[in-house]
Amino acid sequence: MTNDHRASFIRRCVGAAAAAIALVVVACSEVSAPPPSTNRAIASSLESARAAKTTLPHSFLVQGLLRVKPLDNPVVVTKVIPSGGGSIDVPGTDFQLQIPKGAFDGKEMAITVRALAGYTVAYDFEPHGVVFNVPLKFVQHLGHTNLKGVKPPPGFNNRLSGAYFPKANLVDPTSGIAVVTELLPANLTWSGDQIVFSIWHFSGYMVSTGCEDGGSQ
């Protein structure tokens, strides 16, 4: 091979290698980079939540736990619970509401649990306004959630808790940003695969993975 041919061959090899490296870099950046709308969507959600917060005294902004796959539609279960107690499982949500004996007066109560559509792990309970004699248990399995990869927005602490919201429209179904009026102590089971907290009254509850600094439990 002549010197000219050898030089031409080397240039072609170097060019091909550079092009291949460029394709790998582009492909990796496309896989690892977040969608460009993510930060804007969270900023917009926070802005809306802060506006709603001004109408509710003693309220907090929280980051809700998110599902890996969203619920396309609300999932609603109604069950008549006897005075001796019982439980309600909501299919496709990994959620169970536990009602102990003596939780309410009377022989029975029809309880409705509505899992909100979207990514946010949040539920609405009826009858609205009912107060219980002893607390119910909110039990959420965590296997199909983003708990291990949670990154609260800037200015939010990283604390797992229960949270009460008076109206479902205070919860963003995509980002999980919500306005709540109560933060409740919550516990992980020993295996770390469930979160549990007590419910004394209805209507809406969710799992919070962080609260804007200034909120307290």
C-alpha atoms as a PDB file:
ATOM      1  CA  MET A   1       0.000   0.000   0.000  1.00  0.00           C
ATOM      2  CA  THR A   2       1.438   3.376  -0.980  1.00  0.00           C
ATOM      3  CA  ASN A   3       1.879   6.206   1.493  1.00  0.00           C
ATOM      4  CA  ASP A   4      -1.008   8.169  -0.117  1.00  0.00           C
ATOM      5  CA  HIS A   5      -3.356   5.203   0.017  1.00  0.00           C
ATOM      6  CA  ARG A   6      -2.312   4.435   3.607  1.00  0.00           C
ATOM      7  CA  ALA A   7      -2.976   8.039   4.692  1.00  0.00           C
ATOM      8  CA  SER A   8      -6.372   8.036   2.961  1.00  0.00           C
ATOM      9  CA  PHE A   9      -7.304   4.751   4.675  1.00  0.00           C
ATOM     10  CA  ILE A  10      -6.332   6.083   8.105  1.00  0.00           C
ATOM     11  CA  ARG A  11      -8.381   9.262   7.578  1.00  0.00           C
ATOM     12  CA  ARG A  12     -11.450   7.197   6.668  1.00  0.00           C
ATOM     13  CA  CYS A  13     -11.041   4.991   9.771  1.00  0.00           C
ATOM     14  CA  VAL A  14     -10.611   7.976  12.079  1.00  0.00           C
ATOM     15  CA  GLY A  15     -13.678   9.676  10.572  1.00  0.00           C
ATOM     16  CA  ALA A  16     -15.807   6.567  10.984  1.00  0.00           C
ATOM     17  CA  ALA A  17     -14.685   6.129  14.595  1.00  0.00           C
ATOM     18  CA  ALA A  18     -15.471   9.767  15.416  1.00  0.00           C
ATOM     19  CA  ALA A  19     -18.930   9.444  13.889  1.00  0.00           C
ATOM     20  CA  ALA A  20     -19.604   6.284  15.892  1.00  0.00           C
ATOM     21  CA  ILE A  21     -18.518   7.966  19.136  1.00  0.00           C
ATOM     22  CA  ALA A  22     -20.759  10.949  18.362  1.00  0.00           C
ATOM     23  CA  LEU A  23     -23.739   8.639  17.856  1.00  0.00           C
ATOM     24  CA  VAL A  24     -23.065   6.891  21.183  1.00  0.00           C
ATOM     25  CA  VAL A  25     -22.817  10.233  23.019  1.00  0.00           C
ATOM     26  CA  VAL A  26     -26.082  11.456  21.485  1.00  0.00           C
ATOM     27  CA  ALA A  27     -27.847   8.178  22.257  1.00  0.00           C
ATOM     28  CA  CYS A  28     -26.669   8.217  25.894  1.00  0.00           C
ATOM     29  CA  SER A  29     -27.693  11.817  26.370  1.00  0.00           C
ATOM     30  CA  GLU A  30     -31.143  11.077  24.957  1.00  0.00           C
ATOM     31  CA  VAL A  31     -31.587   8.174  27.392  1.00  0.00           C
ATOM     32  CA  SER A  32     -30.328   9.923  30.538  1.00  0.00           C
ATOM     33  CA  ALA A  33     -31.673  13.440  30.048  1.00  0.00           C
ATOM     34  CA  PRO A  34     -35.070  14.156  31.638  1.00  0.00           C
ATOM     35  CA  PRO A  35     -37.929  15.300  29.436  1.00  0.00           C
ATOM     36  CA  PRO A  36     -37.520  19.048  28.795  1.00  0.00           C
ATOM     37  CA  SER A  37     -41.024  19.711  30.131  1.00  0.00           C
ATOM     38  CA  THR A  38     -40.378  18.079  33.547  1.00  0.00           C
ATOM     39  CA  ASN A  39     -38.971  21.091  35.396  1.00  0.00           C
ATOM     40  CA  ARG A  40     -41.468  23.437  33.778  1.00  0.00           C
ATOM     41  CA  ALA A  41     -44.356  21.159  34.750  1.00  0.00           C
ATOM     42  CA  ILE A  42     -43.214  20.997  38.380  1.00  0.00           C
ATOM     43  CA  ALA A  43     -42.696  24.766  38.474  1.00  0.00           C
ATOM     44  CA  SER A  44     -46.195  25.283  37.093  1.00  0.00           C
ATOM     45  CA  SER A  45     -47.652  22.826  39.611  1.00  0.00           C
ATOM     46  CA  LEU A  46     -45.884  24.565  42.484  1.00  0.00           C
ATOM     47  CA  GLU A  47     -47.152  27.935  41.315  1.00  0.00           C
ATOM     48  CA  SER A  48     -50.743  26.681  41.218  1.00  0.00           C
ATOM     49  CA  ALA A  49     -50.387  24.976  44.597  1.00  0.00           C
ATOM     50  CA  ARG A  50     -48.988  28.110  46.240  1.00  0.00           C
ATOM     51  CA  ALA A  51     -51.939  30.102  44.909  1.00  0.00           C
ATOM     52  CA  ALA A  52     -54.366  27.532  46.356  1.00  0.00           C
ATOM     53  CA  LYS A  53     -52.454  27.476  49.642  1.00  0.00           C
ATOM     54  CA  THR A  54     -53.198  31.168  50.237  1.00  0.00           C
ATOM     55  CA  THR A  55     -56.905  30.282  50.549  1.00  0.00           C
ATOM     56  CA  LEU A  56     -56.329  27.612  53.224  1.00  0.00           C
ATOM     57  CA  PRO A  57     -55.025  28.653  56.653  1.00  0.00           C
ATOM     58  CA  HIS A  58     -52.459  26.373  58.298  1.00  0.00           C
ATOM     59  CA  SER A  59     -51.845  24.418  55.096  1.00  0.00           C
ATOM     60  CA  PHE A  60     -48.675  22.878  53.692  1.00  0.00           C
ATOM     61  CA  LEU A  61     -47.180  22.083  50.303  1.00  0.00           C
ATOM     62  CA  VAL A  62     -46.084  18.470  49.944  1.00  0.00           C
ATOM     63  CA  GLN A  63     -44.571  16.180  47.361  1.00  0.00           C
ATOM     64  CA  GLY A  64     -46.742  13.087  47.020  1.00  0.00           C
ATOM     65  CA  LEU A  65     -45.547   9.547  46.486  1.00  0.00           C
ATOM     66  CA  LEU A  66     -45.931   8.551  42.823  1.00  0.00           C
ATOM     67  CA  ARG A  67     -46.926   5.321  41.139  1.00  0.00           C
ATOM     68  CA  VAL A  68     -44.608   3.749  38.570  1.00  0.00           C
ATOM     69  CA  LYS A  69     -47.598   3.454  36.243  1.00  0.00           C
ATOM     70  CA  PRO A  70     -50.520   5.891  36.482  1.00  0.00           C
ATOM     71  CA  LEU A  71     -54.120   4.909  37.052  1.00  0.00           C
ATOM     72  CA  ASP A  72     -55.939   5.721  33.823  1.00  0.00           C
ATOM     73  CA  ASN A  73     -59.208   6.182  35.707  1.00  0.00           C
ATOM     74  CA  PRO A  74     -60.317   6.424  39.338  1.00  0.00           C
ATOM     75  CA  VAL A  75     -60.741   3.064  41.050  1.00  0.00           C
ATOM     76  CA  VAL A  76     -63.764   3.021  43.372  1.00  0.00           C
ATOM     77  CA  VAL A  77     -64.720   0.397  45.937  1.00  0.00           C
ATOM     78  CA  THR A  78     -67.720   0.557  48.292  1.00  0.00           C
ATOM     79  CA  LYS A  79     -68.125  -1.985  51.056  1.00  0.00           C
ATOM     80  CA  VAL A  80     -70.471  -2.318  54.023  1.00  0.00           C
ATOM     81  CA  ILE A  81     -68.377  -2.786  57.152  1.00  0.00           C
ATOM     82  CA  PRO A  82     -69.968  -4.322  60.274  1.00  0.00           C
ATOM     83  CA  SER A  83     -69.381  -2.896  63.749  1.00  0.00           C
ATOM     84  CA  GLY A  84     -66.948  -5.747  64.361  1.00  0.00           C
ATOM     85  CA  GLY A  85     -64.548  -4.264  61.812  1.00  0.00           C
ATOM     86  CA  GLY A  86     -63.111  -5.313  58.469  1.00  0.00           C
ATOM     87  CA  SER A  87     -60.940  -4.140  55.608  1.00  0.00           C
ATOM     88  CA  ILE A  88     -61.253  -2.716  52.095  1.00  0.00           C
ATOM     89  CA  ASP A  89     -58.789  -3.567  49.326  1.00  0.00           C
ATOM     90  CA  VAL A  90     -58.655  -1.381  46.213  1.00  0.00           C
ATOM     91  CA  PRO A  91     -57.627  -3.483  43.184  1.00  0.00           C
ATOM     92  CA  GLY A  92     -54.665  -2.328  41.127  1.00  0.00           C
ATOM     93  CA  THR A  93     -53.498   0.179  43.749  1.00  0.00           C
ATOM     94  CA  ASP A  94     -51.693  -1.905  46.426  1.00  0.00           C
ATOM     95  CA  PHE A  95     -53.863  -0.176  49.034  1.00  0.00           C
ATOM     96  CA  GLN A  96     -55.850  -1.471  51.993  1.00  0.00           C
ATOM     97  CA  LEU A  97     -58.017   0.404  54.503  1.00  0.00           C
ATOM     98  CA  GLN A  98     -58.294  -1.399  57.836  1.00  0.00           C
ATOM     99  CA  ILE A  99     -61.331  -0.668  60.037  1.00  0.00           C
ATOM    100  CA  PRO A 100     -61.056  -1.929  63.625  1.00  0.00           C
ATOM    101  CA  LYS A 101     -63.863  -3.052  65.891  1.00  0.00           C
ATOM    102  CA  GLY A 102     -65.759  -0.168  67.467  1.00  0.00           C
ATOM    103  CA  ALA A 103     -64.556   2.427  64.964  1.00  0.00           C
ATOM    104  CA  PHE A 104     -68.080   3.817  64.553  1.00  0.00           C
ATOM    105  CA  ASP A 105     -71.474   3.761  66.280  1.00  0.00           C
ATOM    106  CA  GLY A 106     -74.209   1.573  64.832  1.00  0.00           C
ATOM    107  CA  LYS A 107     -74.324  -1.921  63.383  1.00  0.00           C
ATOM    108  CA  GLU A 108     -72.651  -1.140  60.035  1.00  0.00           C
ATOM    109  CA  MET A 109     -71.328   1.594  57.775  1.00  0.00           C
ATOM    110  CA  ALA A 110     -70.980   1.770  53.987  1.00  0.00           C
ATOM    111  CA  ILE A 111     -67.475   3.089  53.252  1.00  0.00           C
ATOM    112  CA  THR A 112     -66.290   4.167  49.805  1.00  0.00           C
ATOM    113  CA  VAL A 113     -62.633   4.409  48.821  1.00  0.00           C
ATOM    114  CA  ARG A 114     -61.758   6.216  45.595  1.00  0.00           C
ATOM    115  CA  ALA A 115     -58.191   5.955  44.289  1.00  0.00           C
ATOM    116  CA  LEU A 116     -57.520   9.148  42.350  1.00  0.00           C
ATOM    117  CA  ALA A 117     -56.549   8.789  38.692  1.00  0.00           C
ATOM    118  CA  GLY A 118     -52.974   9.639  37.712  1.00  0.00           C
ATOM    119  CA  TYR A 119     -49.529   9.008  39.175  1.00  0.00           C
ATOM    120  CA  THR A 120     -50.113  10.372  42.678  1.00  0.00           C
ATOM    121  CA  VAL A 121     -50.807   7.852  45.443  1.00  0.00           C
ATOM    122  CA  ALA A 122     -53.931   9.525  46.870  1.00  0.00           C
ATOM    123  CA  TYR A 123     -57.407   8.428  47.939  1.00  0.00           C
ATOM    124  CA  ASP A 124     -60.751  10.015  48.733  1.00  0.00           C
ATOM    125  CA  PHE A 125     -62.893   8.406  51.450  1.00  0.00           C
ATOM    126  CA  GLU A 126     -66.634   8.624  52.097  1.00  0.00           C
ATOM    127  CA  PRO A 127     -68.804   9.399  53.908  1.00  0.00           C
ATOM    128  CA  HIS A 128     -67.118  12.798  54.058  1.00  0.00           C
ATOM    129  CA  GLY A 129     -66.883  14.377  57.491  1.00  0.00           C
ATOM    130  CA  VAL A 130     -67.340  11.210  59.544  1.00  0.00           C
ATOM    131  CA  VAL A 131     -65.191  11.052  62.705  1.00  0.00           C
ATOM    132  CA  PHE A 132     -64.220   7.667  64.135  1.00  0.00           C
ATOM    133  CA  ASN A 133     -64.140   6.446  67.733  1.00  0.00           C
ATOM    134  CA  VAL A 134     -60.820   4.679  67.145  1.00  0.00           C
ATOM    135  CA  PRO A 135     -58.491   5.253  64.197  1.00  0.00           C
ATOM    136  CA  LEU A 136     -58.575   3.388  60.903  1.00  0.00           C
ATOM    137  CA  LYS A 137     -55.316   2.258  59.292  1.00  0.00           C
ATOM    138  CA  PHE A 138     -54.105   3.491  55.899  1.00  0.00           C
ATOM    139  CA  VAL A 139     -51.831   0.753  54.486  1.00  0.00           C
ATOM    140  CA  GLN A 140     -49.989   1.340  51.208  1.00  0.00           C
ATOM    141  CA  HIS A 141     -47.680  -1.248  49.660  1.00  0.00           C
ATOM    142  CA  LEU A 142     -44.683   0.498  48.109  1.00  0.00           C
ATOM    143  CA  GLY A 143     -43.449  -1.964  45.492  1.00  0.00           C
ATOM    144  CA  HIS A 144     -44.988  -0.144  42.520  1.00  0.00           C
ATOM    145  CA  THR A 145     -44.031   3.378  43.594  1.00  0.00           C
ATOM    146  CA  ASN A 146     -41.066   5.708  43.170  1.00  0.00           C
ATOM    147  CA  LEU A 147     -40.116   5.654  46.884  1.00  0.00           C
ATOM    148  CA  LYS A 148     -36.508   4.541  46.296  1.00  0.00           C
ATOM    149  CA  GLY A 149     -35.900   7.273  43.724  1.00  0.00           C
ATOM    150  CA  VAL A 150     -37.730  10.152  45.409  1.00  0.00           C
ATOM    151  CA  LYS A 151     -36.242  13.599  44.800  1.00  0.00           C
ATOM    152  CA  PRO A 152     -38.363  16.302  46.468  1.00  0.00           C
ATOM    153  CA  PRO A 153     -38.365  19.766  44.850  1.00  0.00           C
ATOM    154  CA  PRO A 154     -35.819  22.344  46.077  1.00  0.00           C
ATOM    155  CA  GLY A 155     -36.836  23.732  49.447  1.00  0.00           C
ATOM    156  CA  PHE A 156     -38.670  20.543  50.485  1.00  0.00           C
ATOM    157  CA  ASN A 157     -37.488  18.241  53.268  1.00  0.00           C
ATOM    158  CA  ASN A 158     -37.213  14.505  52.680  1.00  0.00           C
ATOM    159  CA  ARG A 159     -39.672  13.091  55.203  1.00  0.00           C
ATOM    160  CA  LEU A 160     -42.208  10.321  54.802  1.00  0.00           C
ATOM    161  CA  SER A 161     -45.631  11.024  56.317  1.00  0.00           C
ATOM    162  CA  GLY A 162     -49.355  10.769  55.845  1.00  0.00           C
ATOM    163  CA  ALA A 163     -51.190  13.864  54.652  1.00  0.00           C
ATOM    164  CA  TYR A 164     -54.828  15.008  54.666  1.00  0.00           C
ATOM    165  CA  PHE A 165     -56.346  17.048  51.833  1.00  0.00           C
ATOM    166  CA  PRO A 166     -59.904  18.425  52.075  1.00  0.00           C
ATOM    167  CA  LYS A 167     -60.547  18.418  48.300  1.00  0.00           C
ATOM    168  CA  ALA A 168     -59.226  16.212  45.492  1.00  0.00           C
ATOM    169  CA  ASN A 169     -58.508  19.215  43.248  1.00  0.00           C
ATOM    170  CA  LEU A 170     -55.718  20.211  45.650  1.00  0.00           C
ATOM    171  CA  VAL A 171     -53.661  17.229  44.427  1.00  0.00           C
ATOM    172  CA  ASP A 172     -51.791  17.382  41.110  1.00  0.00           C
ATOM    173  CA  PRO A 173     -52.297  13.919  39.543  1.00  0.00           C
ATOM    174  CA  THR A 174     -49.054  14.047  37.549  1.00  0.00           C
ATOM    175  CA  SER A 175     -46.397  15.772  39.659  1.00  0.00           C
ATOM    176  CA  GLY A 176     -47.778  14.795  43.072  1.00  0.00           C
ATOM    177  CA  ILE A 177     -47.538  18.371  44.358  1.00  0.00           C
ATOM    178  CA  ALA A 178     -50.434  18.964  46.750  1.00  0.00           C
ATOM    179  CA  VAL A 179     -51.866  21.353  49.315  1.00  0.00           C
ATOM    180  CA  VAL A 180     -52.695  19.555  52.573  1.00  0.00           C
ATOM    181  CA  THR A 181     -53.985  20.703  55.933  1.00  0.00           C
ATOM    182  CA  GLU A 182     -52.652  17.908  58.158  1.00  0.00           C
ATOM    183  CA  LEU A 183     -49.369  16.004  58.284  1.00  0.00           C
ATOM    184  CA  LEU A 184     -49.574  12.674  60.082  1.00  0.00           C
ATOM    185  CA  PRO A 185     -46.859  10.474  61.616  1.00  0.00           C
ATOM    186  CA  ALA A 186     -46.300   7.407  59.433  1.00  0.00           C
ATOM    187  CA  ASN A 187     -44.344   4.206  59.872  1.00  0.00           C
ATOM    188  CA  LEU A 188     -42.658   1.830  57.483  1.00  0.00           C
ATOM    189  CA  THR A 189     -43.140  -1.856  58.254  1.00  0.00           C
ATOM    190  CA  TRP A 190     -40.046  -3.749  59.371  1.00  0.00           C
ATOM    191  CA  SER A 191     -39.571  -5.080  55.837  1.00  0.00           C
ATOM    192  CA  GLY A 192     -39.827  -1.549  54.399  1.00  0.00           C
ATOM    193  CA  ASP A 193     -42.448  -2.543  51.832  1.00  0.00           C
ATOM    194  CA  GLN A 194     -45.476  -0.805  53.395  1.00  0.00           C
ATOM    195  CA  ILE A 195     -46.265   2.581  54.886  1.00  0.00           C
ATOM    196  CA  VAL A 196     -48.946   2.792  57.577  1.00  0.00           C
ATOM    197  CA  PHE A 197     -50.633   5.714  59.319  1.00  0.00           C
ATOM    198  CA  SER A 198     -53.802   6.370  61.320  1.00  0.00           C
ATOM    199  CA  ILE A 199     -56.994   7.997  60.021  1.00  0.00           C
ATOM    200  CA  TRP A 200     -59.405   9.584  62.499  1.00  0.00           C
ATOM    201  CA  HIS A 201     -61.747  11.248  60.019  1.00  0.00           C
ATOM    202  CA  PHE A 202     -62.552  11.395  56.302  1.00  0.00           C
ATOM    203  CA  SER A 203     -62.130  12.716  53.408  1.00  0.00           C
ATOM    204  CA  GLY A 204     -58.819  12.674  51.447  1.00  0.00           C
ATOM    205  CA  TYR A 205     -55.441  11.118  52.317  1.00  0.00           C
ATOM    206  CA  MET A 206     -52.143  10.603  50.527  1.00  0.00           C
ATOM    207  CA  VAL A 207     -48.537   9.618  51.175  1.00  0.00           C
ATOM    208  CA  SER A 208     -46.170  12.595  51.388  1.00  0.00           C
ATOM    209  CA  THR A 209     -42.467  12.091  50.685  1.00  0.00           C
ATOM    210  CA  GLY A 210     -41.512  15.656  51.612  1.00  0.00           C
ATOM    211  CA  CYS A 211     -42.933  18.950  52.794  1.00  0.00           C
ATOM    212  CA  GLU A 212     -41.871  22.473  51.876  1.00  0.00           C
ATOM    213  CA  ASP A 213     -39.606  23.799  54.624  1.00  0.00           C
ATOM    214  CA  GLY A 214     -41.705  25.490  57.266  1.00  0.00           C
ATOM    215  CA  GLY A 215     -44.190  22.611  57.487  1.00  0.00           C
ATOM    216  CA  SER A 216     -44.116  20.415  60.587  1.00  0.00           C
ATOM    217  CA  GLN A 217     -45.630  17.222  61.914  1.00  0.00           C
END
